[in-house]
Amino acid sequence: MKKRSKLRGLMLLITGLLTTVLLSGCDGKFVVFDPQGPVAQTQYRLIILSAILCAIVVIPVLAITVFIVLRYRDKPGNTAPYKPHWDDSKVLEILWWGIPIVIIAILGGYTARDTYALARTPKTAVTDVKPIEIQVTSLDWKWLFQYPDQNIATVNYVHIPAGVQVHFELTSDAPMNSFWIPQLGGQEYTMPGMAMSLWLQADKTGEYYGTGANFSGKEFAHMRFNVVSESQADFNKWVDSVKSSSNELTEAGYNELAIPGKSDEQSFSSYPPELFDSIVKKNGGHHMDMDMDENKDDKVDTDEQKSDAKDNTHNMDDMSDMDMSNMDMTNDNSSEMNHNHQ
């Protein structure tokens, strides 16, 4: 027994040391708990709320477990009551069913509210600042960023203006991955043939860590990128410098870039028109906006069909309302018609 106790103690010590070593590589802080934008702030509050609600259940359960083990363990002189035929308690059943139901209802309500709110185009009091559009393509094993309004592109790093909403449009020209900037918001999947949408914003200037949160092959650990948040003036200067000092990304250059392999940071002064759309369509997909337009056209066609069917119904009704009182449908007339025909 003593050997087993010592072995367990040694295992706990080793586990604690390994945990300390692994966590020491996190730059001294947990980036998920260091929100630097409105989206991350909302998700941070949801994480804290979830932790509090879970603690309401977990802490009492652990405390009661310890109490039961100590109170009712088999030892000399234990005076704890022994009730082998006790099997029912309405009060306890209400507690261990009612409390979790209430917690799940509260957590589900807040989660649904925040999830749907963050999925929509964000509302802001700043109406004179246009959101910036960035198209993101995950490759093996690198990230391609395209700026449609500025007509420039980068690899494995991205610049954004601070205090400005950023609309990321995401797709993949490789296995499915996950785009994640922990300090600015939660992850969003990148999938071949689909153009996903993600809104983020950095409140302050600084550099943020970005990564791919999915396993996507042997070099998945290198699916990292640097996010530089800067003032609008500095962002404009950076765009001008990329346009003046970088080569253009050709179609052949993209095909070479898409070959599986690692890549350093790169900049391009231009890229082929409709490159992002061609990547989405190449994998058999469509933009969400395109799908919505197609559904709208289908709806118009359906409405026209319904209108034609309605007109046909009215015509049939008019025919059924015709005055047939002057028409003699007796057998004599029928016989005469047959005789004349003969």
C-alpha atoms as a PDB file:
ATOM      1  CA  MET A   1       0.000   0.000   0.000  1.00  0.00           C
ATOM      2  CA  LYS A   2       2.816   2.384   0.849  1.00  0.00           C
ATOM      3  CA  LYS A   3       4.502   1.687  -2.499  1.00  0.00           C
ATOM      4  CA  ARG A   4       1.256   2.477  -4.326  1.00  0.00           C
ATOM      5  CA  SER A   5       0.835   5.715  -2.400  1.00  0.00           C
ATOM      6  CA  LYS A   6       4.380   6.770  -3.236  1.00  0.00           C
ATOM      7  CA  LEU A   7       3.841   5.898  -6.906  1.00  0.00           C
ATOM      8  CA  ARG A   8       0.669   7.969  -7.047  1.00  0.00           C
ATOM      9  CA  GLY A   9       2.424  10.892  -5.414  1.00  0.00           C
ATOM     10  CA  LEU A  10       5.267  10.648  -7.919  1.00  0.00           C
ATOM     11  CA  MET A  11       2.824  10.597 -10.835  1.00  0.00           C
ATOM     12  CA  LEU A  12       1.018  13.669  -9.518  1.00  0.00           C
ATOM     13  CA  LEU A  13       4.338  15.490  -9.134  1.00  0.00           C
ATOM     14  CA  ILE A  14       5.389  14.631 -12.696  1.00  0.00           C
ATOM     15  CA  THR A  15       1.996  15.742 -14.050  1.00  0.00           C
ATOM     16  CA  GLY A  16       2.261  19.045 -12.208  1.00  0.00           C
ATOM     17  CA  LEU A  17       5.778  19.691 -13.516  1.00  0.00           C
ATOM     18  CA  LEU A  18       4.769  18.882 -17.109  1.00  0.00           C
ATOM     19  CA  THR A  19       1.757  21.179 -16.849  1.00  0.00           C
ATOM     20  CA  THR A  20       3.960  24.000 -15.563  1.00  0.00           C
ATOM     21  CA  VAL A  21       6.485  23.527 -18.368  1.00  0.00           C
ATOM     22  CA  LEU A  22       3.836  23.409 -21.099  1.00  0.00           C
ATOM     23  CA  LEU A  23       1.980  26.454 -19.834  1.00  0.00           C
ATOM     24  CA  SER A  24       5.213  28.424 -19.528  1.00  0.00           C
ATOM     25  CA  GLY A  25       5.340  28.563 -23.333  1.00  0.00           C
ATOM     26  CA  CYS A  26       2.235  30.745 -23.549  1.00  0.00           C
ATOM     27  CA  ASP A  27       4.143  34.072 -23.416  1.00  0.00           C
ATOM     28  CA  GLY A  28       3.117  34.623 -19.822  1.00  0.00           C
ATOM     29  CA  LYS A  29      -0.593  35.131 -20.564  1.00  0.00           C
ATOM     30  CA  PHE A  30      -3.611  33.316 -21.914  1.00  0.00           C
ATOM     31  CA  VAL A  31      -4.538  35.130 -25.128  1.00  0.00           C
ATOM     32  CA  VAL A  32      -8.147  33.942 -24.960  1.00  0.00           C
ATOM     33  CA  PHE A  33      -8.514  35.842 -21.674  1.00  0.00           C
ATOM     34  CA  ASP A  34      -6.939  39.009 -23.109  1.00  0.00           C
ATOM     35  CA  PRO A  35      -9.688  40.388 -25.401  1.00  0.00           C
ATOM     36  CA  GLN A  36      -8.666  43.344 -27.564  1.00  0.00           C
ATOM     37  CA  GLY A  37     -11.864  43.908 -29.529  1.00  0.00           C
ATOM     38  CA  PRO A  38     -15.670  44.012 -29.139  1.00  0.00           C
ATOM     39  CA  VAL A  39     -16.181  40.476 -30.498  1.00  0.00           C
ATOM     40  CA  ALA A  40     -13.574  39.015 -28.170  1.00  0.00           C
ATOM     41  CA  GLN A  41     -15.058  40.981 -25.258  1.00  0.00           C
ATOM     42  CA  THR A  42     -18.493  39.466 -25.871  1.00  0.00           C
ATOM     43  CA  GLN A  43     -17.071  35.968 -26.077  1.00  0.00           C
ATOM     44  CA  TYR A  44     -14.923  36.580 -22.979  1.00  0.00           C
ATOM     45  CA  ARG A  45     -18.021  37.518 -20.954  1.00  0.00           C
ATOM     46  CA  LEU A  46     -19.730  34.370 -22.201  1.00  0.00           C
ATOM     47  CA  ILE A  47     -16.758  32.243 -21.108  1.00  0.00           C
ATOM     48  CA  ILE A  48     -16.785  33.809 -17.627  1.00  0.00           C
ATOM     49  CA  LEU A  49     -20.551  33.289 -17.328  1.00  0.00           C
ATOM     50  CA  SER A  50     -20.167  29.637 -18.378  1.00  0.00           C
ATOM     51  CA  ALA A  51     -17.410  29.100 -15.830  1.00  0.00           C
ATOM     52  CA  ILE A  52     -19.502  30.619 -13.014  1.00  0.00           C
ATOM     53  CA  LEU A  53     -22.584  28.561 -13.886  1.00  0.00           C
ATOM     54  CA  CYS A  54     -20.522  25.360 -14.117  1.00  0.00           C
ATOM     55  CA  ALA A  55     -18.867  26.151 -10.791  1.00  0.00           C
ATOM     56  CA  ILE A  56     -22.307  26.352  -9.172  1.00  0.00           C
ATOM     57  CA  VAL A  57     -22.661  22.640  -9.915  1.00  0.00           C
ATOM     58  CA  VAL A  58     -19.075  21.370  -9.825  1.00  0.00           C
ATOM     59  CA  ILE A  59     -17.931  22.890  -6.526  1.00  0.00           C
ATOM     60  CA  PRO A  60     -20.874  21.609  -4.407  1.00  0.00           C
ATOM     61  CA  VAL A  61     -20.626  18.166  -6.028  1.00  0.00           C
ATOM     62  CA  LEU A  62     -16.907  17.909  -5.249  1.00  0.00           C
ATOM     63  CA  ALA A  63     -17.468  19.176  -1.707  1.00  0.00           C
ATOM     64  CA  ILE A  64     -20.292  16.684  -1.091  1.00  0.00           C
ATOM     65  CA  THR A  65     -18.147  13.867  -2.517  1.00  0.00           C
ATOM     66  CA  VAL A  66     -15.343  14.638  -0.081  1.00  0.00           C
ATOM     67  CA  PHE A  67     -17.847  14.922   2.784  1.00  0.00           C
ATOM     68  CA  ILE A  68     -19.462  11.550   1.977  1.00  0.00           C
ATOM     69  CA  VAL A  69     -16.100   9.788   1.689  1.00  0.00           C
ATOM     70  CA  LEU A  70     -14.947  11.143   5.047  1.00  0.00           C
ATOM     71  CA  ARG A  71     -18.258  10.869   6.864  1.00  0.00           C
ATOM     72  CA  TYR A  72     -19.383   7.415   5.784  1.00  0.00           C
ATOM     73  CA  ARG A  73     -16.150   5.533   5.325  1.00  0.00           C
ATOM     74  CA  ASP A  74     -15.767   2.279   7.182  1.00  0.00           C
ATOM     75  CA  LYS A  75     -13.678   2.953  10.258  1.00  0.00           C
ATOM     76  CA  PRO A  76     -13.820   1.974  13.933  1.00  0.00           C
ATOM     77  CA  GLY A  77     -16.228   4.078  15.957  1.00  0.00           C
ATOM     78  CA  ASN A  78     -17.996   5.648  12.962  1.00  0.00           C
ATOM     79  CA  THR A  79     -21.471   6.742  14.150  1.00  0.00           C
ATOM     80  CA  ALA A  80     -22.831   7.764  10.735  1.00  0.00           C
ATOM     81  CA  PRO A  81     -26.401   6.478  10.303  1.00  0.00           C
ATOM     82  CA  TYR A  82     -26.737   3.336   8.178  1.00  0.00           C
ATOM     83  CA  LYS A  83     -29.935   3.147   6.093  1.00  0.00           C
ATOM     84  CA  PRO A  84     -29.649   0.307   3.576  1.00  0.00           C
ATOM     85  CA  HIS A  85     -33.291   0.581   2.465  1.00  0.00           C
ATOM     86  CA  TRP A  86     -33.343   4.344   1.895  1.00  0.00           C
ATOM     87  CA  ASP A  87     -33.963   5.039  -1.833  1.00  0.00           C
ATOM     88  CA  ASP A  88     -36.086   8.163  -2.225  1.00  0.00           C
ATOM     89  CA  SER A  89     -35.920  11.883  -1.483  1.00  0.00           C
ATOM     90  CA  LYS A  90     -38.150  14.366  -3.315  1.00  0.00           C
ATOM     91  CA  VAL A  91     -36.107  17.317  -2.078  1.00  0.00           C
ATOM     92  CA  LEU A  92     -32.801  15.923  -3.376  1.00  0.00           C
ATOM     93  CA  GLU A  93     -34.341  14.902  -6.707  1.00  0.00           C
ATOM     94  CA  ILE A  94     -35.718  18.403  -7.218  1.00  0.00           C
ATOM     95  CA  LEU A  95     -32.293  19.858  -6.431  1.00  0.00           C
ATOM     96  CA  TRP A  96     -30.173  17.623  -8.669  1.00  0.00           C
ATOM     97  CA  TRP A  97     -32.605  17.905 -11.586  1.00  0.00           C
ATOM     98  CA  GLY A  98     -33.881  21.457 -11.134  1.00  0.00           C
ATOM     99  CA  ILE A  99     -30.573  23.279 -10.704  1.00  0.00           C
ATOM    100  CA  PRO A 100     -28.940  21.843 -13.888  1.00  0.00           C
ATOM    101  CA  ILE A 101     -32.086  22.575 -15.911  1.00  0.00           C
ATOM    102  CA  VAL A 102     -32.086  26.206 -14.794  1.00  0.00           C
ATOM    103  CA  ILE A 103     -28.344  26.534 -15.502  1.00  0.00           C
ATOM    104  CA  ILE A 104     -28.645  25.020 -18.973  1.00  0.00           C
ATOM    105  CA  ALA A 105     -31.579  27.313 -19.786  1.00  0.00           C
ATOM    106  CA  ILE A 106     -29.639  30.419 -18.716  1.00  0.00           C
ATOM    107  CA  LEU A 107     -26.447  29.354 -20.502  1.00  0.00           C
ATOM    108  CA  GLY A 108     -28.331  28.341 -23.651  1.00  0.00           C
ATOM    109  CA  GLY A 109     -30.175  31.649 -23.787  1.00  0.00           C
ATOM    110  CA  TYR A 110     -27.043  33.777 -23.498  1.00  0.00           C
ATOM    111  CA  THR A 111     -25.110  31.552 -25.916  1.00  0.00           C
ATOM    112  CA  ALA A 112     -27.824  31.724 -28.584  1.00  0.00           C
ATOM    113  CA  ARG A 113     -28.183  35.488 -28.172  1.00  0.00           C
ATOM    114  CA  ASP A 114     -24.451  36.206 -28.525  1.00  0.00           C
ATOM    115  CA  THR A 115     -23.911  33.658 -31.298  1.00  0.00           C
ATOM    116  CA  TYR A 116     -26.619  35.122 -33.527  1.00  0.00           C
ATOM    117  CA  ALA A 117     -25.572  38.690 -32.698  1.00  0.00           C
ATOM    118  CA  LEU A 118     -21.936  38.061 -33.695  1.00  0.00           C
ATOM    119  CA  ALA A 119     -22.942  36.261 -36.896  1.00  0.00           C
ATOM    120  CA  ARG A 120     -24.740  39.351 -38.231  1.00  0.00           C
ATOM    121  CA  THR A 121     -23.185  42.465 -39.706  1.00  0.00           C
ATOM    122  CA  PRO A 122     -22.218  44.462 -36.598  1.00  0.00           C
ATOM    123  CA  LYS A 123     -23.904  47.742 -35.785  1.00  0.00           C
ATOM    124  CA  THR A 124     -21.690  50.631 -34.750  1.00  0.00           C
ATOM    125  CA  ALA A 125     -22.075  54.273 -33.819  1.00  0.00           C
ATOM    126  CA  VAL A 126     -19.213  55.155 -36.171  1.00  0.00           C
ATOM    127  CA  THR A 127     -20.977  55.667 -39.504  1.00  0.00           C
ATOM    128  CA  ASP A 128     -18.240  57.523 -41.400  1.00  0.00           C
ATOM    129  CA  VAL A 129     -15.691  54.673 -41.254  1.00  0.00           C
ATOM    130  CA  LYS A 130     -16.068  52.068 -43.976  1.00  0.00           C
ATOM    131  CA  PRO A 131     -15.328  48.457 -42.914  1.00  0.00           C
ATOM    132  CA  ILE A 132     -12.311  46.882 -44.573  1.00  0.00           C
ATOM    133  CA  GLU A 133     -12.703  43.710 -46.659  1.00  0.00           C
ATOM    134  CA  ILE A 134     -10.078  40.965 -46.499  1.00  0.00           C
ATOM    135  CA  GLN A 135     -10.361  37.673 -48.389  1.00  0.00           C
ATOM    136  CA  VAL A 136      -8.573  34.772 -46.711  1.00  0.00           C
ATOM    137  CA  THR A 137      -7.540  31.474 -48.306  1.00  0.00           C
ATOM    138  CA  SER A 138      -6.021  28.657 -46.283  1.00  0.00           C
ATOM    139  CA  LEU A 139      -3.421  26.641 -48.189  1.00  0.00           C
ATOM    140  CA  ASP A 140      -1.003  23.837 -47.325  1.00  0.00           C
ATOM    141  CA  TRP A 141       0.589  25.199 -45.095  1.00  0.00           C
ATOM    142  CA  LYS A 142       0.215  28.950 -45.347  1.00  0.00           C
ATOM    143  CA  TRP A 143      -2.363  31.748 -45.363  1.00  0.00           C
ATOM    144  CA  LEU A 144      -3.114  34.024 -48.336  1.00  0.00           C
ATOM    145  CA  PHE A 145      -4.727  37.408 -47.606  1.00  0.00           C
ATOM    146  CA  GLN A 146      -6.253  39.519 -50.388  1.00  0.00           C
ATOM    147  CA  TYR A 147      -7.404  43.137 -50.074  1.00  0.00           C
ATOM    148  CA  PRO A 148     -10.065  43.739 -52.784  1.00  0.00           C
ATOM    149  CA  ASP A 149     -10.297  47.496 -52.227  1.00  0.00           C
ATOM    150  CA  GLN A 150      -6.527  47.990 -52.159  1.00  0.00           C
ATOM    151  CA  ASN A 151      -5.749  45.255 -54.758  1.00  0.00           C
ATOM    152  CA  ILE A 152      -2.791  43.892 -52.782  1.00  0.00           C
ATOM    153  CA  ALA A 153      -2.104  40.500 -51.211  1.00  0.00           C
ATOM    154  CA  THR A 154       0.064  39.073 -48.426  1.00  0.00           C
ATOM    155  CA  VAL A 155       1.121  35.664 -47.188  1.00  0.00           C
ATOM    156  CA  ASN A 156       1.298  34.720 -43.500  1.00  0.00           C
ATOM    157  CA  TYR A 157       0.730  38.249 -42.194  1.00  0.00           C
ATOM    158  CA  VAL A 158      -2.057  40.789 -42.310  1.00  0.00           C
ATOM    159  CA  HIS A 159      -2.387  44.511 -41.517  1.00  0.00           C
ATOM    160  CA  ILE A 160      -5.632  46.049 -40.276  1.00  0.00           C
ATOM    161  CA  PRO A 161      -6.528  49.586 -39.133  1.00  0.00           C
ATOM    162  CA  ALA A 162      -7.331  49.870 -35.418  1.00  0.00           C
ATOM    163  CA  GLY A 163     -10.892  50.781 -34.483  1.00  0.00           C
ATOM    164  CA  VAL A 164     -12.250  49.716 -37.877  1.00  0.00           C
ATOM    165  CA  GLN A 165     -14.513  46.747 -38.498  1.00  0.00           C
ATOM    166  CA  VAL A 166     -12.860  44.029 -40.564  1.00  0.00           C
ATOM    167  CA  HIS A 167     -14.925  41.665 -42.686  1.00  0.00           C
ATOM    168  CA  PHE A 168     -12.988  38.462 -43.327  1.00  0.00           C
ATOM    169  CA  GLU A 169     -14.287  36.298 -46.168  1.00  0.00           C
ATOM    170  CA  LEU A 170     -12.865  32.815 -45.737  1.00  0.00           C
ATOM    171  CA  THR A 171     -12.320  29.826 -47.995  1.00  0.00           C
ATOM    172  CA  SER A 172      -9.815  27.007 -48.498  1.00  0.00           C
ATOM    173  CA  ASP A 173      -7.859  25.655 -51.443  1.00  0.00           C
ATOM    174  CA  ALA A 174      -6.597  22.775 -49.319  1.00  0.00           C
ATOM    175  CA  PRO A 175      -8.039  20.582 -46.545  1.00  0.00           C
ATOM    176  CA  MET A 176     -10.490  22.286 -44.195  1.00  0.00           C
ATOM    177  CA  ASN A 177      -8.873  24.533 -41.615  1.00  0.00           C
ATOM    178  CA  SER A 178      -9.879  27.029 -38.945  1.00  0.00           C
ATOM    179  CA  PHE A 179      -9.049  30.760 -38.919  1.00  0.00           C
ATOM    180  CA  TRP A 180      -8.432  32.082 -35.410  1.00  0.00           C
ATOM    181  CA  ILE A 181      -7.151  35.331 -33.867  1.00  0.00           C
ATOM    182  CA  PRO A 182      -7.752  34.615 -30.137  1.00  0.00           C
ATOM    183  CA  GLN A 183      -7.463  38.202 -28.886  1.00  0.00           C
ATOM    184  CA  LEU A 184      -9.950  39.489 -31.466  1.00  0.00           C
ATOM    185  CA  GLY A 185     -12.555  36.727 -31.562  1.00  0.00           C
ATOM    186  CA  GLY A 186     -13.416  33.083 -31.947  1.00  0.00           C
ATOM    187  CA  GLN A 187     -12.437  30.808 -34.814  1.00  0.00           C
ATOM    188  CA  GLU A 188     -14.273  30.305 -38.101  1.00  0.00           C
ATOM    189  CA  TYR A 189     -13.820  27.337 -40.441  1.00  0.00           C
ATOM    190  CA  THR A 190     -12.320  27.617 -43.915  1.00  0.00           C
ATOM    191  CA  MET A 191     -13.772  25.002 -46.274  1.00  0.00           C
ATOM    192  CA  PRO A 192     -13.224  24.247 -49.960  1.00  0.00           C
ATOM    193  CA  GLY A 193     -16.108  25.444 -52.097  1.00  0.00           C
ATOM    194  CA  MET A 194     -17.536  27.754 -49.412  1.00  0.00           C
ATOM    195  CA  ALA A 195     -17.074  31.423 -48.596  1.00  0.00           C
ATOM    196  CA  MET A 196     -17.579  31.896 -44.862  1.00  0.00           C
ATOM    197  CA  SER A 197     -17.967  35.266 -43.153  1.00  0.00           C
ATOM    198  CA  LEU A 198     -16.330  36.605 -39.985  1.00  0.00           C
ATOM    199  CA  TRP A 199     -16.454  40.109 -38.493  1.00  0.00           C
ATOM    200  CA  LEU A 200     -13.650  41.222 -36.150  1.00  0.00           C
ATOM    201  CA  GLN A 201     -12.214  44.470 -34.844  1.00  0.00           C
ATOM    202  CA  ALA A 202      -9.093  45.519 -32.949  1.00  0.00           C
ATOM    203  CA  ASP A 203      -9.672  48.382 -30.524  1.00  0.00           C
ATOM    204  CA  LYS A 204      -5.976  49.187 -30.061  1.00  0.00           C
ATOM    205  CA  THR A 205      -2.813  49.210 -32.101  1.00  0.00           C
ATOM    206  CA  GLY A 206      -0.478  46.278 -31.566  1.00  0.00           C
ATOM    207  CA  GLU A 207       0.453  42.848 -32.849  1.00  0.00           C
ATOM    208  CA  TYR A 208      -1.766  39.817 -32.366  1.00  0.00           C
ATOM    209  CA  TYR A 209      -1.268  36.107 -32.789  1.00  0.00           C
ATOM    210  CA  GLY A 210      -3.178  34.295 -35.521  1.00  0.00           C
ATOM    211  CA  THR A 211      -3.223  30.591 -36.248  1.00  0.00           C
ATOM    212  CA  GLY A 212      -4.985  27.686 -37.872  1.00  0.00           C
ATOM    213  CA  ALA A 213      -6.873  25.757 -35.202  1.00  0.00           C
ATOM    214  CA  ASN A 214      -7.302  22.537 -37.212  1.00  0.00           C
ATOM    215  CA  PHE A 215      -4.998  19.616 -37.910  1.00  0.00           C
ATOM    216  CA  SER A 216      -4.299  19.803 -41.657  1.00  0.00           C
ATOM    217  CA  GLY A 217      -1.226  17.685 -42.318  1.00  0.00           C
ATOM    218  CA  LYS A 218       2.333  17.280 -41.134  1.00  0.00           C
ATOM    219  CA  GLU A 219       3.177  21.013 -41.210  1.00  0.00           C
ATOM    220  CA  PHE A 220      -0.053  22.236 -39.593  1.00  0.00           C
ATOM    221  CA  ALA A 221       1.961  23.758 -36.732  1.00  0.00           C
ATOM    222  CA  HIS A 222       3.319  26.343 -39.199  1.00  0.00           C
ATOM    223  CA  MET A 223      -0.159  27.631 -40.083  1.00  0.00           C
ATOM    224  CA  ARG A 224       0.495  30.817 -38.148  1.00  0.00           C
ATOM    225  CA  PHE A 225       0.245  34.447 -39.129  1.00  0.00           C
ATOM    226  CA  ASN A 226       0.930  37.818 -37.569  1.00  0.00           C
ATOM    227  CA  VAL A 227      -1.813  40.442 -37.264  1.00  0.00           C
ATOM    228  CA  VAL A 228      -0.622  44.053 -37.174  1.00  0.00           C
ATOM    229  CA  SER A 229      -3.172  46.591 -35.946  1.00  0.00           C
ATOM    230  CA  GLU A 230      -2.157  50.189 -36.674  1.00  0.00           C
ATOM    231  CA  SER A 231      -3.607  53.628 -37.194  1.00  0.00           C
ATOM    232  CA  GLN A 232      -5.430  54.388 -40.426  1.00  0.00           C
ATOM    233  CA  ALA A 233      -2.580  56.646 -41.561  1.00  0.00           C
ATOM    234  CA  ASP A 234       0.032  53.948 -40.949  1.00  0.00           C
ATOM    235  CA  PHE A 235      -2.181  51.405 -42.680  1.00  0.00           C
ATOM    236  CA  ASN A 236      -2.416  53.629 -45.771  1.00  0.00           C
ATOM    237  CA  LYS A 237       1.366  54.052 -45.788  1.00  0.00           C
ATOM    238  CA  TRP A 238       1.818  50.298 -45.580  1.00  0.00           C
ATOM    239  CA  VAL A 239      -0.530  49.770 -48.534  1.00  0.00           C
ATOM    240  CA  ASP A 240       1.423  52.314 -50.593  1.00  0.00           C
ATOM    241  CA  SER A 241       4.715  50.639 -49.703  1.00  0.00           C
ATOM    242  CA  VAL A 242       3.416  47.206 -50.758  1.00  0.00           C
ATOM    243  CA  LYS A 243       2.172  48.625 -54.068  1.00  0.00           C
ATOM    244  CA  SER A 244       5.493  50.313 -54.813  1.00  0.00           C
ATOM    245  CA  SER A 245       7.981  47.695 -53.633  1.00  0.00           C
ATOM    246  CA  SER A 246       6.395  44.264 -54.190  1.00  0.00           C
ATOM    247  CA  ASN A 247       5.979  42.033 -57.205  1.00  0.00           C
ATOM    248  CA  GLU A 248       2.564  41.113 -58.573  1.00  0.00           C
ATOM    249  CA  LEU A 249       0.958  37.743 -57.894  1.00  0.00           C
ATOM    250  CA  THR A 250       0.281  36.062 -61.224  1.00  0.00           C
ATOM    251  CA  GLU A 251      -1.921  33.058 -61.871  1.00  0.00           C
ATOM    252  CA  ALA A 252       1.192  30.914 -62.298  1.00  0.00           C
ATOM    253  CA  GLY A 253       2.556  32.372 -59.073  1.00  0.00           C
ATOM    254  CA  TYR A 254      -0.609  31.424 -57.203  1.00  0.00           C
ATOM    255  CA  ASN A 255      -0.474  27.873 -58.564  1.00  0.00           C
ATOM    256  CA  GLU A 256       3.080  27.617 -57.275  1.00  0.00           C
ATOM    257  CA  LEU A 257       2.039  29.112 -53.935  1.00  0.00           C
ATOM    258  CA  ALA A 258      -0.757  26.552 -53.615  1.00  0.00           C
ATOM    259  CA  ILE A 259       1.694  23.649 -53.771  1.00  0.00           C
ATOM    260  CA  PRO A 260       1.925  22.077 -50.270  1.00  0.00           C
ATOM    261  CA  GLY A 261       4.832  23.505 -48.335  1.00  0.00           C
ATOM    262  CA  LYS A 262       5.853  26.147 -45.803  1.00  0.00           C
ATOM    263  CA  SER A 263       6.290  29.809 -46.705  1.00  0.00           C
ATOM    264  CA  ASP A 264       7.802  32.961 -45.253  1.00  0.00           C
ATOM    265  CA  GLU A 265       5.943  36.267 -45.160  1.00  0.00           C
ATOM    266  CA  GLN A 266       5.342  37.646 -48.657  1.00  0.00           C
ATOM    267  CA  SER A 267       3.723  40.726 -50.205  1.00  0.00           C
ATOM    268  CA  PHE A 268       2.217  41.292 -53.652  1.00  0.00           C
ATOM    269  CA  SER A 269       1.376  44.604 -55.319  1.00  0.00           C
ATOM    270  CA  SER A 270      -1.538  43.045 -57.237  1.00  0.00           C
ATOM    271  CA  TYR A 271      -3.216  39.725 -57.990  1.00  0.00           C
ATOM    272  CA  PRO A 272      -5.388  38.243 -60.762  1.00  0.00           C
ATOM    273  CA  PRO A 273      -8.925  39.646 -60.888  1.00  0.00           C
ATOM    274  CA  GLU A 274     -11.587  37.460 -59.266  1.00  0.00           C
ATOM    275  CA  LEU A 275      -8.911  35.153 -57.817  1.00  0.00           C
ATOM    276  CA  PHE A 276     -10.891  34.507 -54.632  1.00  0.00           C
ATOM    277  CA  ASP A 277     -14.110  33.779 -56.554  1.00  0.00           C
ATOM    278  CA  SER A 278     -12.290  31.380 -58.856  1.00  0.00           C
ATOM    279  CA  ILE A 279     -10.896  29.495 -55.841  1.00  0.00           C
ATOM    280  CA  VAL A 280     -14.382  29.126 -54.370  1.00  0.00           C
ATOM    281  CA  LYS A 281     -15.937  28.041 -57.684  1.00  0.00           C
ATOM    282  CA  LYS A 282     -13.032  25.719 -58.525  1.00  0.00           C
ATOM    283  CA  ASN A 283     -13.996  23.574 -55.552  1.00  0.00           C
ATOM    284  CA  GLY A 284     -17.628  23.412 -56.650  1.00  0.00           C
ATOM    285  CA  GLY A 285     -18.994  26.080 -54.341  1.00  0.00           C
ATOM    286  CA  HIS A 286     -20.680  29.457 -54.410  1.00  0.00           C
ATOM    287  CA  HIS A 287     -20.673  32.608 -52.340  1.00  0.00           C
ATOM    288  CA  MET A 288     -23.410  32.900 -49.770  1.00  0.00           C
ATOM    289  CA  ASP A 289     -24.576  36.136 -51.429  1.00  0.00           C
ATOM    290  CA  MET A 290     -24.798  34.355 -54.793  1.00  0.00           C
ATOM    291  CA  ASP A 291     -26.873  31.604 -53.273  1.00  0.00           C
ATOM    292  CA  MET A 292     -29.204  34.189 -51.763  1.00  0.00           C
ATOM    293  CA  ASP A 293     -29.630  35.876 -55.159  1.00  0.00           C
ATOM    294  CA  GLU A 294     -30.374  32.537 -56.797  1.00  0.00           C
ATOM    295  CA  ASN A 295     -32.974  31.791 -54.151  1.00  0.00           C
ATOM    296  CA  LYS A 296     -34.467  35.212 -54.783  1.00  0.00           C
ATOM    297  CA  ASP A 297     -34.737  34.476 -58.524  1.00  0.00           C
ATOM    298  CA  ASP A 298     -36.287  31.109 -57.776  1.00  0.00           C
ATOM    299  CA  LYS A 299     -38.806  32.855 -55.579  1.00  0.00           C
ATOM    300  CA  VAL A 300     -39.688  35.281 -58.383  1.00  0.00           C
ATOM    301  CA  ASP A 301     -40.205  32.387 -60.794  1.00  0.00           C
ATOM    302  CA  THR A 302     -42.353  30.605 -58.251  1.00  0.00           C
ATOM    303  CA  ASP A 303     -44.461  33.728 -57.729  1.00  0.00           C
ATOM    304  CA  GLU A 304     -44.966  34.072 -61.495  1.00  0.00           C
ATOM    305  CA  GLN A 305     -45.993  30.432 -61.715  1.00  0.00           C
ATOM    306  CA  LYS A 306     -48.447  30.936 -58.873  1.00  0.00           C
ATOM    307  CA  SER A 307     -49.871  34.009 -60.653  1.00  0.00           C
ATOM    308  CA  ASP A 308     -50.350  32.063 -63.919  1.00  0.00           C
ATOM    309  CA  ALA A 309     -52.006  29.216 -62.064  1.00  0.00           C
ATOM    310  CA  LYS A 310     -54.305  31.705 -60.359  1.00  0.00           C
ATOM    311  CA  ASP A 311     -55.288  33.250 -63.728  1.00  0.00           C
ATOM    312  CA  ASN A 312     -56.012  29.793 -65.123  1.00  0.00           C
ATOM    313  CA  THR A 313     -58.210  29.061 -62.136  1.00  0.00           C
ATOM    314  CA  HIS A 314     -60.161  32.271 -62.748  1.00  0.00           C
ATOM    315  CA  ASN A 315     -60.669  31.310 -66.401  1.00  0.00           C
ATOM    316  CA  MET A 316     -62.054  27.933 -65.398  1.00  0.00           C
ATOM    317  CA  ASP A 317     -64.375  29.629 -62.948  1.00  0.00           C
ATOM    318  CA  ASP A 318     -65.636  31.965 -65.716  1.00  0.00           C
ATOM    319  CA  MET A 319     -66.368  28.997 -67.941  1.00  0.00           C
ATOM    320  CA  SER A 320     -68.279  27.266 -65.180  1.00  0.00           C
ATOM    321  CA  ASP A 321     -70.391  30.437 -64.682  1.00  0.00           C
ATOM    322  CA  MET A 322     -71.533  30.631 -68.333  1.00  0.00           C
ATOM    323  CA  ASP A 323     -75.322  30.791 -68.918  1.00  0.00           C
ATOM    324  CA  MET A 324     -76.285  27.422 -70.408  1.00  0.00           C
ATOM    325  CA  SER A 325     -80.078  27.939 -70.152  1.00  0.00           C
ATOM    326  CA  ASN A 326     -80.526  28.502 -73.931  1.00  0.00           C
ATOM    327  CA  MET A 327     -78.777  25.289 -74.843  1.00  0.00           C
ATOM    328  CA  ASP A 328     -81.215  22.483 -75.584  1.00  0.00           C
ATOM    329  CA  MET A 329     -79.616  19.276 -74.515  1.00  0.00           C
ATOM    330  CA  THR A 330     -82.676  17.011 -75.051  1.00  0.00           C
ATOM    331  CA  ASN A 331     -82.440  13.622 -76.662  1.00  0.00           C
ATOM    332  CA  ASP A 332     -84.495  14.850 -79.675  1.00  0.00           C
ATOM    333  CA  ASN A 333     -81.905  17.373 -80.649  1.00  0.00           C
ATOM    334  CA  SER A 334     -79.230  14.831 -80.201  1.00  0.00           C
ATOM    335  CA  SER A 335     -81.041  12.416 -82.477  1.00  0.00           C
ATOM    336  CA  GLU A 336     -81.498  15.101 -85.138  1.00  0.00           C
ATOM    337  CA  MET A 337     -77.810  15.911 -85.041  1.00  0.00           C
ATOM    338  CA  ASN A 338     -76.980  12.284 -85.465  1.00  0.00           C
ATOM    339  CA  HIS A 339     -79.428  11.981 -88.391  1.00  0.00           C
ATOM    340  CA  ASN A 340     -77.977  14.985 -90.188  1.00  0.00           C
ATOM    341  CA  HIS A 341     -74.490  13.669 -89.647  1.00  0.00           C
ATOM    342  CA  GLN A 342     -75.473  10.413 -91.280  1.00  0.00           C
END
